[in-house]
């Protein structure tokens, strides 16, 4: 993946993750965990694309920016995994928190 294709791919994956989080947060409780799992998979695809980009030949500044985005994606995965596979109760607010965390990446 190189040049504009990289940006297009990451932008598409961010949109998919944000849309999946929106859908999950709007689900009734009996479907929340299932939809959160869909959102989790979308966030993992985003994280994997960011890892691939970070491995590319980038400048120091580009790598630093990519690491920041990667850290954010990993944090979102942690939050959403707690909703998709809850130990106790479903937490719709955590989905909204994860969605808000990804929103700045929409401007990539």
Protein backbone atom coordinates (compact mmCIF):
# COMPACT_ATOMS: atom_id res chain seq x y z
CA UNK A 1 0.00 0.00 0.00
CA UNK A 2 1.47 3.36 -0.90
CA UNK A 3 0.67 7.06 -1.30
CA UNK A 4 -3.00 8.06 -1.60
CA UNK A 5 -4.14 4.44 -1.38
CA UNK A 6 -2.86 4.35 2.19
CA UNK A 7 -4.82 7.41 3.22
CA UNK A 8 -7.92 6.19 1.41
CA UNK A 9 -7.72 2.79 3.07
CA UNK A 10 -7.21 4.17 6.57
CA UNK A 11 -9.97 6.76 6.06
CA UNK A 12 -12.37 4.03 4.91
CA UNK A 13 -11.49 1.82 7.87
CA UNK A 14 -11.96 4.71 10.32
CA UNK A 15 -15.40 5.42 8.82
CA UNK A 16 -16.34 1.74 9.03
CA UNK A 17 -15.28 1.56 12.69
CA UNK A 18 -17.13 4.78 13.61
CA UNK A 19 -20.29 3.62 11.80
CA UNK A 20 -20.11 0.21 13.49
CA UNK A 21 -19.74 1.90 16.90
CA UNK A 22 -22.72 4.14 16.13
CA UNK A 23 -24.85 1.13 15.18
CA UNK A 24 -23.77 -0.81 18.26
CA UNK A 25 -24.51 2.07 20.63
CA UNK A 26 -28.05 2.32 19.22
CA UNK A 27 -28.87 -1.38 19.64
CA UNK A 28 -31.27 -2.72 22.24
CA UNK A 29 -29.52 -4.55 25.04
CA UNK A 30 -30.21 -8.04 23.62
CA UNK A 31 -28.23 -7.19 20.43
CA UNK A 32 -25.61 -4.88 21.92
CA UNK A 33 -22.90 -7.49 22.50
CA UNK A 34 -23.28 -8.89 18.97
CA UNK A 35 -23.03 -5.44 17.35
CA UNK A 36 -20.15 -4.50 19.64
CA UNK A 37 -18.29 -7.55 18.31
CA UNK A 38 -18.83 -6.22 14.76
CA UNK A 39 -17.44 -2.85 15.87
CA UNK A 40 -14.50 -4.59 17.52
CA UNK A 41 -13.62 -6.38 14.29
CA UNK A 42 -13.78 -3.05 12.42
CA UNK A 43 -11.41 -1.47 14.95
CA UNK A 44 -9.02 -4.42 14.62
CA UNK A 45 -8.97 -4.03 10.82
CA UNK A 46 -8.11 -0.35 11.32
CA UNK A 47 -5.35 -1.21 13.79
CA UNK A 48 -3.91 -3.80 11.42
CA UNK A 49 -3.82 -1.27 8.56
CA UNK A 50 -2.06 1.25 10.82
CA UNK A 51 0.52 -1.39 11.76
CA UNK A 52 1.15 -2.12 8.09
CA UNK A 53 1.61 1.60 7.42
CA UNK A 54 3.94 2.03 10.37
CA UNK A 55 6.16 -0.71 8.97
CA UNK A 56 6.49 1.20 5.69
CA UNK A 57 9.39 3.52 5.03
CA UNK A 58 8.27 6.70 6.77
CA UNK A 59 9.99 9.77 8.10
CA UNK A 60 10.48 10.10 11.87
CA UNK A 61 7.56 12.57 12.09
CA UNK A 62 5.28 10.31 10.05
CA UNK A 63 6.17 7.34 12.25
CA UNK A 64 5.45 9.35 15.40
CA UNK A 65 2.06 10.44 14.05
CA UNK A 66 1.28 6.88 12.98
CA UNK A 67 2.22 5.59 16.45
CA UNK A 68 -0.20 8.07 18.03
CA UNK A 69 -3.00 6.81 15.75
CA UNK A 70 -2.01 3.21 16.49
CA UNK A 71 -2.09 3.85 20.25
CA UNK A 72 -5.57 5.33 19.87
CA UNK A 73 -6.79 2.35 17.85
CA UNK A 74 -5.42 -0.03 20.49
CA UNK A 75 -7.19 1.91 23.25
CA UNK A 76 -10.47 1.74 21.33
CA UNK A 77 -10.04 -2.02 20.88
CA UNK A 78 -9.57 -2.39 24.64
CA UNK A 79 -12.71 -0.39 25.41
CA UNK A 80 -14.89 -2.14 22.84
CA UNK A 81 -13.69 -5.62 23.78
CA UNK A 82 -15.04 -4.99 27.27
CA UNK A 83 -18.45 -4.30 25.75
CA UNK A 84 -18.39 -7.10 23.18
CA UNK A 85 -17.34 -9.66 25.77
CA UNK A 86 -18.51 -8.22 29.10
CA UNK A 87 -17.46 -9.78 32.36
CA UNK A 88 -20.49 -8.31 34.12
CA UNK A 89 -22.84 -5.83 32.44
CA UNK A 90 -23.15 -4.17 29.06
CA UNK A 91 -21.91 -0.60 28.97
CA UNK A 92 -23.33 1.43 26.10
CA UNK A 93 -21.42 4.52 27.25
CA UNK A 94 -18.11 2.79 26.56
CA UNK A 95 -19.14 2.36 22.90
CA UNK A 96 -19.83 6.07 22.63
CA UNK A 97 -16.49 6.81 24.32
CA UNK A 98 -14.68 4.60 21.80
CA UNK A 99 -16.49 6.25 18.89
CA UNK A 100 -15.55 9.73 20.14
CA UNK A 101 -11.93 8.62 20.48
CA UNK A 102 -11.83 7.58 16.81
CA UNK A 103 -13.51 10.72 15.52
CA UNK A 104 -10.28 12.75 15.16
CA UNK A 105 -8.97 10.09 12.78
CA UNK A 106 -11.80 10.91 10.37
CA UNK A 107 -9.78 13.97 9.36
CA UNK A 108 -6.82 11.92 8.10
